[in-house]
Each structure stands twice: as C-alpha cells, then as structure tokens.
C-alpha cells in the first residue's frame, strides 16, 4: 500500500522539511499519512539520487527500496498452499 504527502513552499522551507524528515527517519519516528516508516535492518537497500533539469522544470528525488521476499518465492508458496 502506498502513502504520500505533498507540500509546496520556498526553497528554505523545503530544505528545512527535508532535514527534519531525515532526522525522524534515522530515529524511526517518521510517519507518512499516519503510517510509520520503517526501513528494515536485515535487508539490502537499493537507493538512488535523481536530478533532472531542463527549460520547463526541474526535479530532485531520493528513493530507497528493499525486497522482503522474491516474487518467485511468493508464487511457489501460494502454489504449495493451493495443493494442500
């Protein structure tokens, strides 16, 4: 399930907010739409920094991801349950 929050403000307000949420994330106190954000300690993380800028718009993003279990494993478990 996905959760998101969107804001608009000045560069100063944006960077202050980013600083706050990174601190909250590190302390495991960050919430998005009331849902606590937990980055697992026992998984490898994929992380990416992306920057785009052209004559029409600019974007900067930081993305962190992880996998709990592979889709193939999940499908095999479902097949085993269906056979039982």
Protein backbone atom coordinates (compact mmCIF):
# COMPACT_ATOMS: atom_id res chain seq x y z
CA UNK A 1 0.00 0.00 0.00
CA UNK A 2 1.35 3.45 -0.83
CA UNK A 3 1.27 6.60 1.24
CA UNK A 4 2.33 10.10 0.27
CA UNK A 5 2.24 13.68 1.41
CA UNK A 6 2.69 16.71 -0.82
CA UNK A 7 3.75 20.23 0.11
CA UNK A 8 4.56 23.47 -1.61
CA UNK A 9 6.80 26.23 -0.28
CA UNK A 10 10.04 28.11 -0.62
CA UNK A 11 13.47 26.50 -1.03
CA UNK A 12 14.23 27.34 2.60
CA UNK A 13 11.00 25.69 3.81
CA UNK A 14 11.61 22.63 1.63
CA UNK A 15 15.19 22.09 2.81
CA UNK A 16 14.16 22.59 6.44
CA UNK A 17 11.46 19.94 5.98
CA UNK A 18 13.90 17.51 4.31
CA UNK A 19 16.32 17.96 7.21
CA UNK A 20 13.51 17.26 9.70
CA UNK A 21 12.25 14.12 7.97
CA UNK A 22 15.75 12.67 7.53
CA UNK A 23 16.28 13.09 11.28
CA UNK A 24 12.92 11.45 12.00
CA UNK A 25 13.72 8.62 9.58
CA UNK A 26 17.05 7.94 11.30
CA UNK A 27 15.30 7.80 14.69
CA UNK A 28 12.50 5.64 13.19
CA UNK A 29 9.99 8.36 14.10
CA UNK A 30 8.94 9.30 10.56
CA UNK A 31 5.27 8.92 9.63
CA UNK A 32 3.61 9.42 6.24
CA UNK A 33 -0.17 9.82 6.33
CA UNK A 34 -0.04 8.47 9.90
CA UNK A 35 1.83 5.32 8.79
CA UNK A 36 5.19 4.72 10.50
CA UNK A 37 8.11 4.38 8.05
CA UNK A 38 10.41 1.51 8.97
CA UNK A 39 13.45 0.71 6.85
CA UNK A 40 14.47 -2.87 7.67
CA UNK A 41 17.88 -3.55 9.20
CA UNK A 42 18.16 -7.08 7.78
CA UNK A 43 17.75 -6.30 4.06
CA UNK A 44 19.96 -4.88 1.36
CA UNK A 45 18.73 -1.48 0.26
CA UNK A 46 18.54 -0.05 -3.23
CA UNK A 47 18.92 3.71 -3.18
CA UNK A 48 19.05 6.28 -5.91
CA UNK A 49 19.52 10.04 -6.18
CA UNK A 50 17.98 11.56 -9.29
CA UNK A 51 18.26 15.07 -10.72
CA UNK A 52 16.54 16.43 -13.83
CA UNK A 53 16.60 19.99 -15.11
CA UNK A 54 15.51 21.46 -18.43
CA UNK A 55 13.93 24.66 -19.72
CA UNK A 56 10.48 23.63 -18.45
CA UNK A 57 11.02 22.14 -15.00
CA UNK A 58 13.47 20.65 -12.55
CA UNK A 59 13.22 17.67 -10.20
CA UNK A 60 15.35 16.16 -7.47
CA UNK A 61 14.47 12.92 -5.69
CA UNK A 62 15.90 10.39 -3.29
CA UNK A 63 14.47 6.89 -3.45
CA UNK A 64 15.12 3.98 -1.07
CA UNK A 65 13.77 0.49 -1.67
CA UNK A 66 14.07 -3.08 -0.38
CA UNK A 67 12.59 -6.51 -1.01
CA UNK A 68 11.02 -8.67 1.71
CA UNK A 69 10.87 -11.76 -0.48
CA UNK A 70 11.23 -12.51 -4.14
CA UNK A 71 8.06 -12.79 -6.20
CA UNK A 72 9.02 -16.30 -7.36
CA UNK A 73 9.22 -17.48 -3.73
CA UNK A 74 5.82 -15.94 -3.05
CA UNK A 75 4.27 -17.66 -6.09
CA UNK A 76 5.77 -21.02 -5.06
CA UNK A 77 4.34 -20.65 -1.55
CA UNK A 78 0.90 -19.86 -2.99
CA UNK A 79 1.07 -22.92 -5.26
CA UNK A 80 2.04 -25.14 -2.30
CA UNK A 81 -0.89 -23.80 -0.26
CA UNK A 82 -3.29 -24.42 -3.15
CA UNK A 83 -2.07 -28.04 -3.45
CA UNK A 84 -2.76 -28.73 0.26
